[in-house]
C-alpha cells in the first residue's frame, strides 16, 4: 500500500457506533426491566383509577340532565348534554353559599392557629433546651392515638362551660393546634443545621429573632403542609360541627350537604353537584400549594 493510500485510509471518518436502546434506570442507577416497568405503570394506573374514579363519576353525574340515565348498564361516563343546572338547583334548595362562607371562616381560622401554634411548639420541642422536653414530645405522640369519638363528650362539655356552644369559635377551638402538625414542625426544625443559629446567637440574636428570621423561613414547605392539612381537616369535618352547632345559620358546608342528601336522597344529580361544590376549594388550594407541599414532606419527614 502506498503512502497516499495509507493517508487516505487514516483520514476516513470513523464509523458511527451502533445505536443503543436507552437504558431505563431507577433512582439508584439500577436497570429496570421492561416487564417490571409495565407492572409499575399498571399498578399506578390502578391506584389512580381507585382514587380519582369516584370523584370523576360524581363530576359526570352532576353535569347530566334529568333525561339522562345515570344507572344504565353499561354506564355512560361522559354526559351527552352537559349542563350546570344541577348546581343552580343546589343553591336554590339550601343556602349553600352561606354554608360555604361559614366553612371558609372555620378553615381560615384553623389554618392560622395551626400554622402559628404548631410552628412555635415545634420550635420549642426541637431547638430549645429545658427539662421535660422529651416528655412533652411523648404527650403529643400519645395525643395522636386518642380517637376523636373518645373525647368528643369532654370537648362538648368544655365548650358549654365556656359559653361557646353554637358558635364558630367553638368549632375551631378544639382543633386549633393539631398534634400531628406540631410533630411535623418539630422534625422540620430538627433537620436544620445548628451552625446557622449558632452564628446568629454569636451576633446577639435572641430566641425570637432566631425563630422568626432564620428557622421559620427555612421550613416554609412544612408550613404549607400544615396549612393544607389544617384546611382540609376543618373543611371536611362533619361530626364535631354537627355536635356543637344547632343554629342553621351557623351550619358549615358538610352539615348543609348532609341535609341536602337526607331531603333529596333520590336525586343523585343534586347530591353529586353539592359534593363537587364541597371538593372544589380543596382542589384549588392543593393546586396553589403543591410545589411547597412536596418540598415540605421531605422537610418534616419523621426520623428517629
Foldseek 3Di string as FASTA:
>chain_A
DDPVVVVVVVPDDDDDDDDDDDFDADPVRHGDDPVRVVVVVVVVVVVVCVPCVVLLQLVQLLQEDPVDDQPDVVGDSHHPHGDNVLLVVLVVPFVLVLQAVLLVVLLVQLLVLALVVLLVLLCCLAPDDDPCSVVVLVVLVVVVVDDCVVCLVVLLVVCVVVVNFQHSCSLNPVNSHHSVLNLLNNQLLNPDDPVVVVVVVVVPDDPVCCSPPPRVVSQVLSSLQSSLVSSVCSLPDDPNQVVRHDDPSNHHLVVVLVVVCVVPVVSSNNSSSSVCVSCVVSVVSCVVNVVSNVVNCVSRPDDD
